[in-house]
Amino acid sequence: MQLLLDLDSEVPIYQQIRDRVVEAIADGALKPGESLPSTRQFAVDLAINFHTVNKAYDLLRREGIIRINRKSGAVVHPDVRRATAELRVGVDWEQRLRTLLAEAVVRGVPDEEIVTYVRTTLKGFGRGGGAENG
């Protein structure tokens, strides 16, 4: 799995890994039940400390997005939607969205441009611009 990380970003690397994995699942690049690289291998591939990958995986596990098993390693949760809906603990996507929208407002981005971007992004995830999928 290829991830693009910005090592100069203010966003912590573990959060970038978490975000890119979630995006890969939404894009269909990672499927439910699919294995992720081991923390050590991923760290080598990304040229970062394996504890950073471990922190990202732990966050994804707590959010119900992946499962971690001693034998099979980290895998995308087979029923990620249901697992995430059941957990909801620590997952405050509405607050994250509110903060992103606030940033757009502060920067003067017109409402129509924000809505257009959201619809375009959702279509990119294969959702068709707002219709629930499944």
C-alpha atoms as a PDB file:
ATOM      1  CA  MET A   1       0.000   0.000   0.000  1.00  0.00           C
ATOM      2  CA  GLN A   2       1.387   3.379  -1.026  1.00  0.00           C
ATOM      3  CA  LEU A   3       0.733   6.387   1.211  1.00  0.00           C
ATOM      4  CA  LEU A   4       1.781   9.959   0.666  1.00  0.00           C
ATOM      5  CA  LEU A   5       2.873  11.604   3.891  1.00  0.00           C
ATOM      6  CA  ASP A   6       3.974  15.174   4.406  1.00  0.00           C
ATOM      7  CA  LEU A   7       6.816  14.996   6.914  1.00  0.00           C
ATOM      8  CA  ASP A   8       6.829  18.811   7.159  1.00  0.00           C
ATOM      9  CA  SER A   9       3.111  19.037   7.942  1.00  0.00           C
ATOM     10  CA  GLU A  10       1.789  20.243  11.273  1.00  0.00           C
ATOM     11  CA  VAL A  11      -0.469  17.154  11.230  1.00  0.00           C
ATOM     12  CA  PRO A  12       1.245  14.358  13.171  1.00  0.00           C
ATOM     13  CA  ILE A  13       2.492  11.470  11.032  1.00  0.00           C
ATOM     14  CA  TYR A  14       0.354   8.903  12.882  1.00  0.00           C
ATOM     15  CA  GLN A  15      -2.746  11.016  12.103  1.00  0.00           C
ATOM     16  CA  GLN A  16      -1.735  11.266   8.444  1.00  0.00           C
ATOM     17  CA  ILE A  17      -1.391   7.462   8.297  1.00  0.00           C
ATOM     18  CA  ARG A  18      -4.798   7.058   9.925  1.00  0.00           C
ATOM     19  CA  ASP A  19      -6.370   9.540   7.519  1.00  0.00           C
ATOM     20  CA  ARG A  20      -4.785   7.976   4.410  1.00  0.00           C
ATOM     21  CA  VAL A  21      -5.950   4.477   5.461  1.00  0.00           C
ATOM     22  CA  VAL A  22      -9.517   5.762   5.957  1.00  0.00           C
ATOM     23  CA  GLU A  23      -9.359   7.461   2.545  1.00  0.00           C
ATOM     24  CA  ALA A  24      -8.053   4.262   0.935  1.00  0.00           C
ATOM     25  CA  ILE A  25     -11.017   2.347   2.381  1.00  0.00           C
ATOM     26  CA  ALA A  26     -13.462   5.021   1.175  1.00  0.00           C
ATOM     27  CA  ASP A  27     -11.820   4.987  -2.286  1.00  0.00           C
ATOM     28  CA  GLY A  28     -12.087   1.200  -2.470  1.00  0.00           C
ATOM     29  CA  ALA A  29      -8.303   0.787  -2.613  1.00  0.00           C
ATOM     30  CA  LEU A  30      -8.559  -1.163   0.650  1.00  0.00           C
ATOM     31  CA  LYS A  31     -11.412  -3.644   0.982  1.00  0.00           C
ATOM     32  CA  PRO A  32     -13.044  -5.033   4.136  1.00  0.00           C
ATOM     33  CA  GLY A  33     -11.011  -8.014   5.343  1.00  0.00           C
ATOM     34  CA  GLU A  34      -7.892  -6.910   3.463  1.00  0.00           C
ATOM     35  CA  SER A  35      -4.584  -7.074   5.312  1.00  0.00           C
ATOM     36  CA  LEU A  36      -2.461  -4.060   6.100  1.00  0.00           C
ATOM     37  CA  PRO A  37       1.324  -4.247   6.260  1.00  0.00           C
ATOM     38  CA  SER A  38       2.847  -5.120   9.635  1.00  0.00           C
ATOM     39  CA  THR A  39       3.800  -2.106  11.715  1.00  0.00           C
ATOM     40  CA  ARG A  40       7.493  -2.859  11.231  1.00  0.00           C
ATOM     41  CA  GLN A  41       7.211  -3.345   7.469  1.00  0.00           C
ATOM     42  CA  PHE A  42       5.073  -0.243   7.071  1.00  0.00           C
ATOM     43  CA  ALA A  43       7.578   1.763   9.109  1.00  0.00           C
ATOM     44  CA  VAL A  44      10.418   0.545   6.897  1.00  0.00           C
ATOM     45  CA  ASP A  45       8.414   1.361   3.744  1.00  0.00           C
ATOM     46  CA  LEU A  46       7.658   4.866   5.028  1.00  0.00           C
ATOM     47  CA  ALA A  47      11.094   5.376   6.608  1.00  0.00           C
ATOM     48  CA  ILE A  48       9.581   6.246   9.991  1.00  0.00           C
ATOM     49  CA  ASN A  49       9.614   4.803  13.504  1.00  0.00           C
ATOM     50  CA  PHE A  50       7.422   1.702  13.892  1.00  0.00           C
ATOM     51  CA  HIS A  51       5.894   3.169  17.078  1.00  0.00           C
ATOM     52  CA  THR A  52       4.355   5.876  14.882  1.00  0.00           C
ATOM     53  CA  VAL A  53       2.667   3.239  12.702  1.00  0.00           C
ATOM     54  CA  ASN A  54       1.622   1.367  15.836  1.00  0.00           C
ATOM     55  CA  LYS A  55      -0.032   4.533  17.178  1.00  0.00           C
ATOM     56  CA  ALA A  56      -1.948   4.991  13.900  1.00  0.00           C
ATOM     57  CA  TYR A  57      -3.049   1.341  13.888  1.00  0.00           C
ATOM     58  CA  ASP A  58      -4.166   1.587  17.509  1.00  0.00           C
ATOM     59  CA  LEU A  59      -6.248   4.664  16.683  1.00  0.00           C
ATOM     60  CA  LEU A  60      -7.830   2.861  13.713  1.00  0.00           C
ATOM     61  CA  ARG A  61      -8.519  -0.168  15.939  1.00  0.00           C
ATOM     62  CA  ARG A  62     -10.179   1.951  18.631  1.00  0.00           C
ATOM     63  CA  GLU A  63     -12.359   3.554  15.944  1.00  0.00           C
ATOM     64  CA  GLY A  64     -13.475   0.121  14.706  1.00  0.00           C
ATOM     65  CA  ILE A  65     -11.912   0.608  11.276  1.00  0.00           C
ATOM     66  CA  ILE A  66      -9.356  -2.193  11.550  1.00  0.00           C
ATOM     67  CA  ARG A  67      -8.954  -5.329  13.633  1.00  0.00           C
ATOM     68  CA  ILE A  68      -5.639  -6.481  14.978  1.00  0.00           C
ATOM     69  CA  ASN A  69      -4.978 -10.168  15.573  1.00  0.00           C
ATOM     70  CA  ARG A  70      -1.717 -11.808  16.619  1.00  0.00           C
ATOM     71  CA  LYS A  71      -1.964 -14.359  13.823  1.00  0.00           C
ATOM     72  CA  SER A  72      -3.378 -12.352  10.937  1.00  0.00           C
ATOM     73  CA  GLY A  73      -2.049  -8.917  11.903  1.00  0.00           C
ATOM     74  CA  ALA A  74      -3.949  -5.744  11.026  1.00  0.00           C
ATOM     75  CA  VAL A  75      -6.889  -6.082   8.638  1.00  0.00           C
ATOM     76  CA  VAL A  76      -9.643  -3.732   7.538  1.00  0.00           C
ATOM     77  CA  HIS A  77     -12.639  -4.621   9.692  1.00  0.00           C
ATOM     78  CA  PRO A  78     -14.807  -7.028   7.663  1.00  0.00           C
ATOM     79  CA  ASP A  79     -17.930  -5.032   8.561  1.00  0.00           C
ATOM     80  CA  VAL A  80     -16.313  -1.643   9.047  1.00  0.00           C
ATOM     81  CA  ARG A  81     -19.555   0.360   8.772  1.00  0.00           C
ATOM     82  CA  ARG A  82     -21.369  -1.608  11.454  1.00  0.00           C
ATOM     83  CA  ALA A  83     -18.314  -1.760  13.718  1.00  0.00           C
ATOM     84  CA  THR A  84     -17.779   1.991  13.471  1.00  0.00           C
ATOM     85  CA  ALA A  85     -21.457   2.726  14.115  1.00  0.00           C
ATOM     86  CA  GLU A  86     -21.384   0.485  17.196  1.00  0.00           C
ATOM     87  CA  LEU A  87     -18.218   2.006  18.635  1.00  0.00           C
ATOM     88  CA  ARG A  88     -18.656   5.742  18.093  1.00  0.00           C
ATOM     89  CA  VAL A  89     -16.405   6.128  21.150  1.00  0.00           C
ATOM     90  CA  GLY A  90     -13.696   8.636  20.390  1.00  0.00           C
ATOM     91  CA  VAL A  91     -15.015   9.171  16.861  1.00  0.00           C
ATOM     92  CA  ASP A  92     -16.167  12.744  16.649  1.00  0.00           C
ATOM     93  CA  TRP A  93     -16.300  13.282  12.895  1.00  0.00           C
ATOM     94  CA  GLU A  94     -18.976  15.958  13.242  1.00  0.00           C
ATOM     95  CA  GLN A  95     -16.638  18.091  15.350  1.00  0.00           C
ATOM     96  CA  ARG A  96     -13.776  17.533  12.883  1.00  0.00           C
ATOM     97  CA  LEU A  97     -16.076  18.539  10.020  1.00  0.00           C
ATOM     98  CA  ARG A  98     -17.254  21.596  11.943  1.00  0.00           C
ATOM     99  CA  THR A  99     -13.636  22.677  12.438  1.00  0.00           C
ATOM    100  CA  LEU A 100     -12.831  22.198   8.742  1.00  0.00           C
ATOM    101  CA  LEU A 101     -15.911  24.189   7.747  1.00  0.00           C
ATOM    102  CA  ALA A 102     -14.975  26.912  10.231  1.00  0.00           C
ATOM    103  CA  GLU A 103     -11.533  27.127   8.636  1.00  0.00           C
ATOM    104  CA  ALA A 104     -13.119  27.516   5.199  1.00  0.00           C
ATOM    105  CA  VAL A 105     -15.423  30.271   6.497  1.00  0.00           C
ATOM    106  CA  VAL A 106     -12.541  32.096   8.182  1.00  0.00           C
ATOM    107  CA  ARG A 107     -10.593  31.964   4.906  1.00  0.00           C
ATOM    108  CA  GLY A 108     -13.556  33.383   3.003  1.00  0.00           C
ATOM    109  CA  VAL A 109     -14.397  30.328   0.894  1.00  0.00           C
ATOM    110  CA  PRO A 110     -17.928  30.797  -0.490  1.00  0.00           C
ATOM    111  CA  ASP A 111     -20.583  28.356   0.764  1.00  0.00           C
ATOM    112  CA  GLU A 112     -21.334  27.188  -2.790  1.00  0.00           C
ATOM    113  CA  GLU A 113     -17.669  26.299  -3.327  1.00  0.00           C
ATOM    114  CA  ILE A 114     -17.606  24.290  -0.090  1.00  0.00           C
ATOM    115  CA  VAL A 115     -20.765  22.380  -1.031  1.00  0.00           C
ATOM    116  CA  THR A 116     -19.433  21.717  -4.548  1.00  0.00           C
ATOM    117  CA  TYR A 117     -16.172  20.390  -3.123  1.00  0.00           C
ATOM    118  CA  VAL A 118     -18.012  18.122  -0.667  1.00  0.00           C
ATOM    119  CA  ARG A 119     -20.202  16.696  -3.449  1.00  0.00           C
ATOM    120  CA  THR A 120     -17.213  16.185  -5.758  1.00  0.00           C
ATOM    121  CA  THR A 121     -15.281  14.449  -2.987  1.00  0.00           C
ATOM    122  CA  LEU A 122     -18.202  12.151  -2.133  1.00  0.00           C
ATOM    123  CA  LYS A 123     -18.555  11.213  -5.814  1.00  0.00           C
ATOM    124  CA  GLY A 124     -14.853  10.366  -5.788  1.00  0.00           C
ATOM    125  CA  PHE A 125     -15.584   7.853  -3.046  1.00  0.00           C
ATOM    126  CA  GLY A 126     -18.194   6.219  -5.276  1.00  0.00           C
ATOM    127  CA  ARG A 127     -21.150   7.465  -3.237  1.00  0.00           C
ATOM    128  CA  GLY A 128     -22.790   9.522  -5.973  1.00  0.00           C
ATOM    129  CA  GLY A 129     -22.765  12.882  -4.191  1.00  0.00           C
ATOM    130  CA  GLY A 130     -24.817  12.375  -1.085  1.00  0.00           C
ATOM    131  CA  ALA A 131     -26.972   9.292  -1.500  1.00  0.00           C
ATOM    132  CA  GLU A 132     -26.433   6.721   1.214  1.00  0.00           C
ATOM    133  CA  ASN A 133     -24.659   3.646  -0.023  1.00  0.00           C
ATOM    134  CA  GLY A 134     -25.977   0.456   1.579  1.00  0.00           C
END
